[in-house]
């Protein structure tokens, strides 16, 4: 097991890393549900690749967790009960229609971008190293998703209606990405992260103009260059307060592993 640099809060950092890994695992699993079912072949391939990337990112975070605790990625992904995951609720909801999947992935990728960018200034060296690698893949995700959001949001009346309905559902849920974790203040004080409040402001600065360019209206008030949220955030996941959607998702995710626990593939 690796040791942390002196002065970094161990338990709080482990909790944070696990939340990152859990988010990626669940969203990757949800996106994989589109394989063979996307509206067109191009998006079938694209979302299969994005799902694979998200699952790969989860492995990166679980591997870092293993280096600090000795607990394997398989044990963290396949041997925990669904109530023990610390993902936000946003990534656990059913895939919905394609408009919802597009909006969810876009909002999540923008959050990932601002978070990974902030890791370049982290006092934890491992975060800096990981950010440099993952940001290259996130750049592809954002390029693709921005294009989809812009084209679908400002195309036909039907596409705009469906994209707006997806945004109305997804935006309050997406705020759960920035739900404050227990011990977050210690991580901010140690220079590991800037804090979710800071990241949410940066995220709003990025997503609001893109959505506006697609003729989509998020529940956000903008005045004098400052954006304020005008909806109730869907919170609870970071504290283990999940919905039954995660229960069913984890059952599917762990089904094969439970048949032959500890098997090597």
Protein backbone atom coordinates (compact mmCIF):
# COMPACT_ATOMS: atom_id res chain seq x y z
CA UNK A 1 0.00 0.00 0.00
CA UNK A 2 1.16 3.53 -0.76
CA UNK A 3 1.53 6.20 1.88
CA UNK A 4 -0.04 9.63 1.56
CA UNK A 5 2.07 12.78 1.60
CA UNK A 6 2.28 14.25 5.08
CA UNK A 7 -0.58 16.53 6.08
CA UNK A 8 -3.28 15.08 3.85
CA UNK A 9 -6.47 13.84 5.59
CA UNK A 10 -6.54 10.11 4.84
CA UNK A 11 -10.12 9.08 5.56
CA UNK A 12 -11.63 12.11 3.85
CA UNK A 13 -9.46 11.56 0.79
CA UNK A 14 -10.42 7.89 0.56
CA UNK A 15 -14.09 8.81 0.78
CA UNK A 16 -13.65 11.32 -2.04
CA UNK A 17 -11.79 8.88 -4.32
CA UNK A 18 -14.48 6.27 -3.80
CA UNK A 19 -17.23 8.72 -4.75
CA UNK A 20 -15.39 9.52 -8.00
CA UNK A 21 -15.01 5.82 -8.81
CA UNK A 22 -18.63 5.01 -7.99
CA UNK A 23 -19.93 7.82 -10.21
CA UNK A 24 -17.94 6.59 -13.20
CA UNK A 25 -18.92 2.95 -12.68
CA UNK A 26 -22.65 3.60 -12.54
CA UNK A 27 -22.74 6.04 -15.46
CA UNK A 28 -20.63 3.70 -17.56
CA UNK A 29 -23.07 0.88 -16.81
CA UNK A 30 -26.06 3.04 -17.73
CA UNK A 31 -24.47 4.12 -21.02
CA UNK A 32 -23.64 0.51 -21.88
CA UNK A 33 -27.38 -0.16 -21.94
CA UNK A 34 -27.52 1.74 -25.25
CA UNK A 35 -25.24 -0.76 -27.02
CA UNK A 36 -27.35 -2.21 -29.80
CA UNK A 37 -30.25 0.12 -29.00
CA UNK A 38 -29.13 3.63 -30.01
CA UNK A 39 -31.16 5.53 -32.61
CA UNK A 40 -28.41 5.37 -35.26
CA UNK A 41 -25.29 3.25 -35.70
CA UNK A 42 -22.93 6.20 -35.19
CA UNK A 43 -24.33 6.89 -31.73
CA UNK A 44 -24.41 3.18 -30.90
CA UNK A 45 -20.65 3.12 -31.45
CA UNK A 46 -20.07 6.48 -29.76
CA UNK A 47 -21.96 5.68 -26.57
CA UNK A 48 -20.44 2.21 -26.38
CA UNK A 49 -17.03 3.89 -26.49
CA UNK A 50 -18.05 6.49 -23.92
CA UNK A 51 -19.37 3.74 -21.64
CA UNK A 52 -16.07 1.91 -21.97
CA UNK A 53 -14.18 5.12 -21.14
CA UNK A 54 -16.28 5.75 -18.03
CA UNK A 55 -15.74 2.19 -16.82
CA UNK A 56 -12.03 2.63 -17.49
CA UNK A 57 -12.03 5.83 -15.45
CA UNK A 58 -13.74 4.03 -12.59
CA UNK A 59 -10.94 1.45 -12.68
CA UNK A 60 -8.37 4.25 -12.47
CA UNK A 61 -9.98 5.58 -9.28
CA UNK A 62 -10.56 2.13 -7.77
CA UNK A 63 -6.91 1.29 -8.49
CA UNK A 64 -5.79 4.41 -6.67
CA UNK A 65 -8.05 3.39 -3.79
CA UNK A 66 -6.43 -0.06 -3.83
CA UNK A 67 -2.96 1.50 -3.66
CA UNK A 68 -3.98 3.33 -0.50
CA UNK A 69 -6.05 0.60 1.18
CA UNK A 70 -5.18 -2.77 -0.34
CA UNK A 71 -8.82 -3.34 -1.34
CA UNK A 72 -9.10 -4.54 -4.94
CA UNK A 73 -11.24 -2.84 -7.62
CA UNK A 74 -13.28 -6.05 -7.98
CA UNK A 75 -14.11 -6.11 -4.28
CA UNK A 76 -15.21 -2.46 -4.35
CA UNK A 77 -17.32 -2.83 -7.47
CA UNK A 78 -18.80 -6.29 -6.95
CA UNK A 79 -18.78 -7.10 -3.24
CA UNK A 80 -20.41 -4.04 -1.69
CA UNK A 81 -24.12 -3.71 -1.02
CA UNK A 82 -25.94 -1.06 -3.01
CA UNK A 83 -26.45 1.10 0.10
CA UNK A 84 -22.66 1.33 0.52
CA UNK A 85 -21.99 3.14 -2.75
CA UNK A 86 -21.38 6.89 -2.59
CA UNK A 87 -22.27 7.84 -6.15
CA UNK A 88 -24.60 10.76 -6.75
CA UNK A 89 -28.16 9.80 -7.61
CA UNK A 90 -27.83 11.41 -11.04
CA UNK A 91 -25.75 8.58 -12.50
CA UNK A 92 -28.07 5.86 -11.21
CA UNK A 93 -31.35 6.85 -12.84
CA UNK A 94 -32.62 4.70 -15.74
CA UNK A 95 -31.29 5.58 -19.17
CA UNK A 96 -34.59 7.16 -20.27
CA UNK A 97 -34.90 8.22 -23.88
CA UNK A 98 -31.91 9.24 -25.98
CA UNK A 99 -32.44 12.93 -25.26
CA UNK A 100 -32.09 12.31 -21.52
CA UNK A 101 -28.94 10.26 -22.05
CA UNK A 102 -27.39 13.02 -24.17
CA UNK A 103 -28.22 15.73 -21.64
CA UNK A 104 -27.04 13.63 -18.68
CA UNK A 105 -23.74 12.78 -20.32
CA UNK A 106 -23.13 16.39 -21.35
CA UNK A 107 -23.80 17.79 -17.87
CA UNK A 108 -21.66 15.07 -16.28
CA UNK A 109 -18.77 15.58 -18.70
CA UNK A 110 -18.68 19.31 -18.04
CA UNK A 111 -18.53 18.56 -14.31
CA UNK A 112 -15.73 16.08 -14.94
CA UNK A 113 -13.84 18.66 -16.96
CA UNK A 114 -13.86 21.32 -14.26
CA UNK A 115 -13.01 18.77 -11.56
CA UNK A 116 -10.11 17.21 -13.46
CA UNK A 117 -8.83 20.65 -14.41
CA UNK A 118 -8.79 21.61 -10.74
CA UNK A 119 -6.73 18.51 -9.94
CA UNK A 120 -3.88 20.05 -11.88
CA UNK A 121 -3.50 22.39 -8.88
CA UNK A 122 -4.02 19.70 -6.22
CA UNK A 123 -1.62 19.12 -3.33
CA UNK A 124 -2.10 15.37 -3.90
CA UNK A 125 0.37 14.33 -6.66
CA UNK A 126 -1.69 11.32 -7.75
CA UNK A 127 -4.58 13.61 -8.67
CA UNK A 128 -2.31 15.66 -10.94
CA UNK A 129 -1.05 12.54 -12.71
CA UNK A 130 -4.53 11.09 -13.23
CA UNK A 131 -6.03 14.38 -14.41
CA UNK A 132 -3.50 14.70 -17.21
CA UNK A 133 -4.49 11.30 -18.60
CA UNK A 134 -8.27 11.49 -18.20
CA UNK A 135 -8.67 15.03 -19.52
CA UNK A 136 -7.66 13.86 -23.00
CA UNK A 137 -10.58 11.44 -23.11
CA UNK A 138 -12.96 13.98 -21.59
CA UNK A 139 -12.07 16.40 -24.39
CA UNK A 140 -13.44 13.87 -26.89
CA UNK A 141 -16.58 13.32 -24.83
CA UNK A 142 -17.27 17.04 -24.62
CA UNK A 143 -16.67 17.63 -28.32
CA UNK A 144 -19.16 14.92 -29.20
CA UNK A 145 -21.77 15.81 -26.58
CA UNK A 146 -21.66 19.55 -27.23
CA UNK A 147 -22.32 18.81 -30.88
CA UNK A 148 -25.27 16.59 -30.05
CA UNK A 149 -26.78 19.08 -27.61
CA UNK A 150 -26.47 21.93 -30.09
CA UNK A 151 -27.88 20.00 -33.03
CA UNK A 152 -30.75 18.33 -31.19
CA UNK A 153 -31.70 21.34 -29.12
CA UNK A 154 -32.00 23.67 -32.07
CA UNK A 155 -33.25 21.38 -34.84
CA UNK A 156 -36.96 20.59 -35.11
CA UNK A 157 -39.80 21.48 -32.77
CA UNK A 158 -39.96 17.82 -31.70
CA UNK A 159 -36.25 17.55 -30.95
CA UNK A 160 -36.30 20.83 -29.01
CA UNK A 161 -39.30 19.68 -26.98
CA UNK A 162 -37.65 16.39 -26.08
CA UNK A 163 -34.31 17.97 -25.25
CA UNK A 164 -35.98 20.59 -23.05
CA UNK A 165 -37.95 17.89 -21.24
CA UNK A 166 -34.70 15.98 -20.71
CA UNK A 167 -33.00 19.09 -19.35
CA UNK A 168 -35.91 19.81 -17.01
CA UNK A 169 -35.48 16.32 -15.53
CA UNK A 170 -31.68 16.09 -15.59
CA UNK A 171 -30.59 19.53 -14.40
CA UNK A 172 -31.81 19.26 -10.78
CA UNK A 173 -30.42 15.73 -10.66
CA UNK A 174 -27.03 16.85 -11.98
CA UNK A 175 -26.57 19.19 -9.02
CA UNK A 176 -26.06 16.06 -6.94
CA UNK A 177 -22.62 15.74 -8.55
CA UNK A 178 -21.63 18.70 -6.38
CA UNK A 179 -23.23 17.46 -3.17
CA UNK A 180 -20.85 18.14 -0.29
CA UNK A 181 -19.09 15.08 1.06
CA UNK A 182 -18.39 14.49 4.72
CA UNK A 183 -14.89 15.79 5.44
CA UNK A 184 -14.77 17.99 2.34
CA UNK A 185 -13.66 21.03 4.34
CA UNK A 186 -10.53 19.17 5.44
CA UNK A 187 -9.66 18.38 1.82
CA UNK A 188 -10.14 22.02 0.83
CA UNK A 189 -7.98 23.21 3.72
CA UNK A 190 -5.23 20.77 2.69
CA UNK A 191 -5.31 22.02 -0.91
CA UNK A 192 -6.47 18.69 -2.34
CA UNK A 193 -9.63 20.09 -3.96
CA UNK A 194 -11.14 23.57 -4.31
CA UNK A 195 -14.51 22.41 -2.96
CA UNK A 196 -17.73 21.50 -4.74
CA UNK A 197 -19.20 24.98 -4.37
CA UNK A 198 -16.34 26.41 -6.43
CA UNK A 199 -16.60 23.63 -9.01
CA UNK A 200 -20.34 24.13 -9.39
CA UNK A 201 -19.85 27.82 -10.17
CA UNK A 202 -17.26 26.99 -12.81
CA UNK A 203 -19.57 24.32 -14.23
CA UNK A 204 -22.45 26.79 -14.53
CA UNK A 205 -20.21 29.21 -16.39
CA UNK A 206 -19.57 26.49 -18.95
CA UNK A 207 -22.98 24.82 -19.37
CA UNK A 208 -25.34 27.81 -19.39
CA UNK A 209 -23.95 29.40 -22.61
CA UNK A 210 -23.88 26.05 -24.43
CA UNK A 211 -27.47 25.28 -23.49
CA UNK A 212 -28.54 28.78 -24.50
CA UNK A 213 -26.88 28.36 -27.90
CA UNK A 214 -29.06 25.26 -28.35
CA UNK A 215 -32.24 27.19 -27.45
CA UNK A 216 -32.52 25.26 -24.20
CA UNK A 217 -33.47 26.90 -20.92
CA UNK A 218 -32.00 25.53 -17.68
CA UNK A 219 -33.54 26.57 -14.33
CA UNK A 220 -30.89 29.23 -13.83
CA UNK A 221 -31.17 32.97 -13.29
CA UNK A 222 -28.32 35.00 -14.78
CA UNK A 223 -27.74 38.60 -13.77
CA UNK A 224 -24.63 40.74 -14.11
CA UNK A 225 -22.68 37.73 -15.32
CA UNK A 226 -23.56 35.66 -12.25
CA UNK A 227 -25.75 32.54 -12.42
CA UNK A 228 -27.98 31.34 -9.59
CA UNK A 229 -29.88 28.06 -9.56
CA UNK A 230 -33.67 28.17 -9.52
CA UNK A 231 -34.58 24.57 -8.69
CA UNK A 232 -34.30 22.06 -5.86
CA UNK A 233 -31.17 19.89 -6.14
CA UNK A 234 -31.61 16.12 -6.11
CA UNK A 235 -29.25 15.21 -3.26
CA UNK A 236 -28.61 12.27 -0.97
CA UNK A 237 -26.39 9.91 -2.90
CA UNK A 238 -23.13 11.11 -1.34
CA UNK A 239 -24.63 10.29 2.05
CA UNK A 240 -25.81 6.82 0.99
CA UNK A 241 -29.45 7.89 0.59
CA UNK A 242 -30.14 6.18 -2.72
CA UNK A 243 -33.25 5.23 -4.64
CA UNK A 244 -34.36 1.75 -5.67
CA UNK A 245 -32.87 2.48 -9.09
CA UNK A 246 -29.41 1.90 -7.67
CA UNK A 247 -30.55 -1.32 -6.01
CA UNK A 248 -31.67 -2.74 -9.35
CA UNK A 249 -28.58 -1.42 -11.15
CA UNK A 250 -26.18 -3.03 -8.67
CA UNK A 251 -28.10 -6.32 -8.90
CA UNK A 252 -27.52 -6.32 -12.66
CA UNK A 253 -23.92 -5.21 -12.31
CA UNK A 254 -22.99 -7.89 -9.79
CA UNK A 255 -25.05 -10.79 -11.19
CA UNK A 256 -22.26 -12.68 -12.96
CA UNK A 257 -19.75 -12.04 -10.19
CA UNK A 258 -22.11 -13.49 -7.58
CA UNK A 259 -22.38 -16.72 -9.60
CA UNK A 260 -18.63 -17.28 -9.22
CA UNK A 261 -17.30 -14.92 -6.53
CA UNK A 262 -13.58 -14.28 -6.69
CA UNK A 263 -13.20 -15.93 -10.11
CA UNK A 264 -10.38 -14.76 -12.36
CA UNK A 265 -11.35 -14.09 -15.95
